[in-house]
Amino acid sequence: MIKFIKEKDYGLSVTVSGLIRNLDEVNKELGIKPHSINFSLGFHGRTDLLPDSAVLEVVTMCGHGMVGAPLVEHCMNEVKAGRMSPEEAGCELSKPCICGIFNTEKVVERLSKLK
């Protein structure tokens, strides 16, 4: 995909996520010099204050962190109570995501298992 995008030369900045070792190989092969590299260092500090893993999984689907834990918890509770369908909850949860990377289908799949 990176080769395809480079060949098309759209003039756009592209963010690629993956293992640095693999991306280095691809970049060298294609003659690409990245202007920046970000590393995920995991979770540190008072991790006991983080939401549970089901909520955290949804919160981290937005690249800008715009989907808040309280909204996720509310939607999960509404689905469990039968007041909201997983599809409605997925639509509601996707609204705050300004980058558009939020995976609504994946959230709907996860919420469907809450019933």
Protein backbone atom coordinates (compact mmCIF):
# COMPACT_ATOMS: atom_id res chain seq x y z
CA MET A 1 0.00 0.00 0.00
CA ILE A 2 2.84 2.39 0.84
CA LYS A 3 4.42 1.70 -2.56
CA PHE A 4 1.07 2.38 -4.27
CA ILE A 5 0.61 5.69 -2.42
CA LYS A 6 4.18 6.78 -3.20
CA GLU A 7 3.75 5.95 -6.90
CA LYS A 8 0.49 7.94 -7.10
CA ASP A 9 2.24 10.96 -5.51
CA TYR A 10 -0.96 12.53 -4.19
CA GLY A 11 1.03 15.15 -2.29
CA LEU A 12 -0.50 14.09 1.02
CA SER A 13 1.12 13.35 4.34
CA VAL A 14 0.51 9.75 5.36
CA THR A 15 0.66 8.22 8.84
CA VAL A 16 1.60 4.55 8.95
CA SER A 17 1.33 2.35 12.02
CA GLY A 18 3.21 -0.88 12.53
CA LEU A 19 6.33 -2.50 13.88
CA ILE A 20 9.27 -0.13 13.47
CA ARG A 21 11.52 -2.93 12.20
CA ASN A 22 9.10 -3.74 9.36
CA LEU A 23 8.44 -0.12 8.52
CA ASP A 24 12.19 0.63 8.39
CA GLU A 25 12.62 -2.13 5.81
CA VAL A 26 9.78 -0.82 3.66
CA ASN A 27 11.01 2.78 3.93
CA LYS A 28 14.55 1.81 2.88
CA GLU A 29 13.24 -0.29 -0.01
CA LEU A 30 11.12 2.61 -1.28
CA GLY A 31 13.63 5.38 -0.52
CA ILE A 32 11.37 7.07 2.01
CA LYS A 33 12.77 9.05 4.92
CA PRO A 34 10.09 9.57 7.58
CA HIS A 35 9.94 13.05 9.08
CA SER A 36 8.83 11.74 12.48
CA ILE A 37 8.42 8.52 14.40
CA ASN A 38 6.17 8.00 17.43
CA PHE A 39 6.57 5.19 19.94
CA SER A 40 3.91 3.80 22.22
CA LEU A 41 5.35 3.42 25.69
CA GLY A 42 2.34 1.67 27.20
CA PHE A 43 0.51 2.69 30.35
CA HIS A 44 2.38 4.08 33.35
CA GLY A 45 1.46 5.66 36.65
CA ARG A 46 -1.87 5.20 38.40
CA THR A 47 -3.26 2.59 36.04
CA ASP A 48 -5.84 1.72 38.71
CA LEU A 49 -7.57 4.98 37.75
CA LEU A 50 -8.03 3.89 34.12
CA PRO A 51 -11.42 2.61 32.96
CA ASP A 52 -11.82 -1.15 32.58
CA SER A 53 -10.37 -2.78 29.49
CA ALA A 54 -13.70 -2.94 27.58
CA VAL A 55 -14.17 0.83 27.95
CA LEU A 56 -10.50 1.56 27.26
CA GLU A 57 -10.66 -0.45 24.04
CA VAL A 58 -13.39 1.85 22.71
CA VAL A 59 -11.84 5.08 24.03
CA THR A 60 -8.56 4.37 22.22
CA MET A 61 -10.28 3.86 18.86
CA CYS A 62 -10.17 7.61 18.24
CA GLY A 63 -6.71 8.83 17.35
CA HIS A 64 -7.31 12.11 19.17
CA GLY A 65 -8.89 10.69 22.31
CA MET A 66 -12.19 12.46 21.73
CA VAL A 67 -14.43 9.53 22.70
CA GLY A 68 -14.67 9.82 26.48
CA ALA A 69 -15.00 6.98 28.98
CA PRO A 70 -18.24 8.35 30.50
CA LEU A 71 -19.94 8.29 27.10
CA VAL A 72 -18.70 4.76 26.44
CA GLU A 73 -19.91 3.59 29.86
CA HIS A 74 -23.29 5.28 29.30
CA CYS A 75 -23.75 3.64 25.89
CA MET A 76 -22.71 0.25 27.23
CA ASN A 77 -25.24 0.54 30.06
CA GLU A 78 -27.96 1.61 27.64
CA VAL A 79 -27.27 -1.40 25.41
CA LYS A 80 -27.26 -3.76 28.41
CA ALA A 81 -30.60 -2.31 29.58
CA GLY A 82 -32.11 -2.67 26.10
CA ARG A 83 -32.76 1.08 25.75
CA MET A 84 -30.30 1.43 22.87
CA SER A 85 -29.32 -0.96 20.12
CA PRO A 86 -25.63 -1.70 19.53
CA GLU A 87 -25.95 0.10 16.18
CA GLU A 88 -27.42 3.22 17.82
CA ALA A 89 -24.68 3.16 20.47
CA GLY A 90 -21.99 2.73 17.82
CA CYS A 91 -23.36 5.72 15.91
CA GLU A 92 -23.45 7.83 19.09
CA LEU A 93 -19.91 6.84 20.06
CA SER A 94 -18.53 7.71 16.63
CA LYS A 95 -19.82 11.31 16.72
CA PRO A 96 -17.03 12.87 18.84
CA CYS A 97 -14.26 11.34 16.69
CA ILE A 98 -12.99 14.20 14.53
CA CYS A 99 -10.33 12.16 12.74
CA GLY A 100 -12.78 9.57 11.35
CA ILE A 101 -10.62 6.62 12.35
CA PHE A 102 -13.16 5.34 14.89
CA ASN A 103 -14.20 1.81 13.95
CA THR A 104 -17.98 1.86 14.36
CA GLU A 105 -18.44 -1.67 13.01
CA LYS A 106 -15.99 -3.09 15.55
CA VAL A 107 -17.74 -1.26 18.39
CA VAL A 108 -21.15 -2.54 17.26
CA GLU A 109 -19.72 -6.07 17.19
CA ARG A 110 -18.37 -5.66 20.76
CA LEU A 111 -21.58 -4.06 22.04
CA SER A 112 -23.68 -6.85 20.54
CA LYS A 113 -21.97 -9.25 22.95
CA LEU A 114 -23.17 -7.24 25.98
CA LYS A 115 -26.81 -8.32 25.71
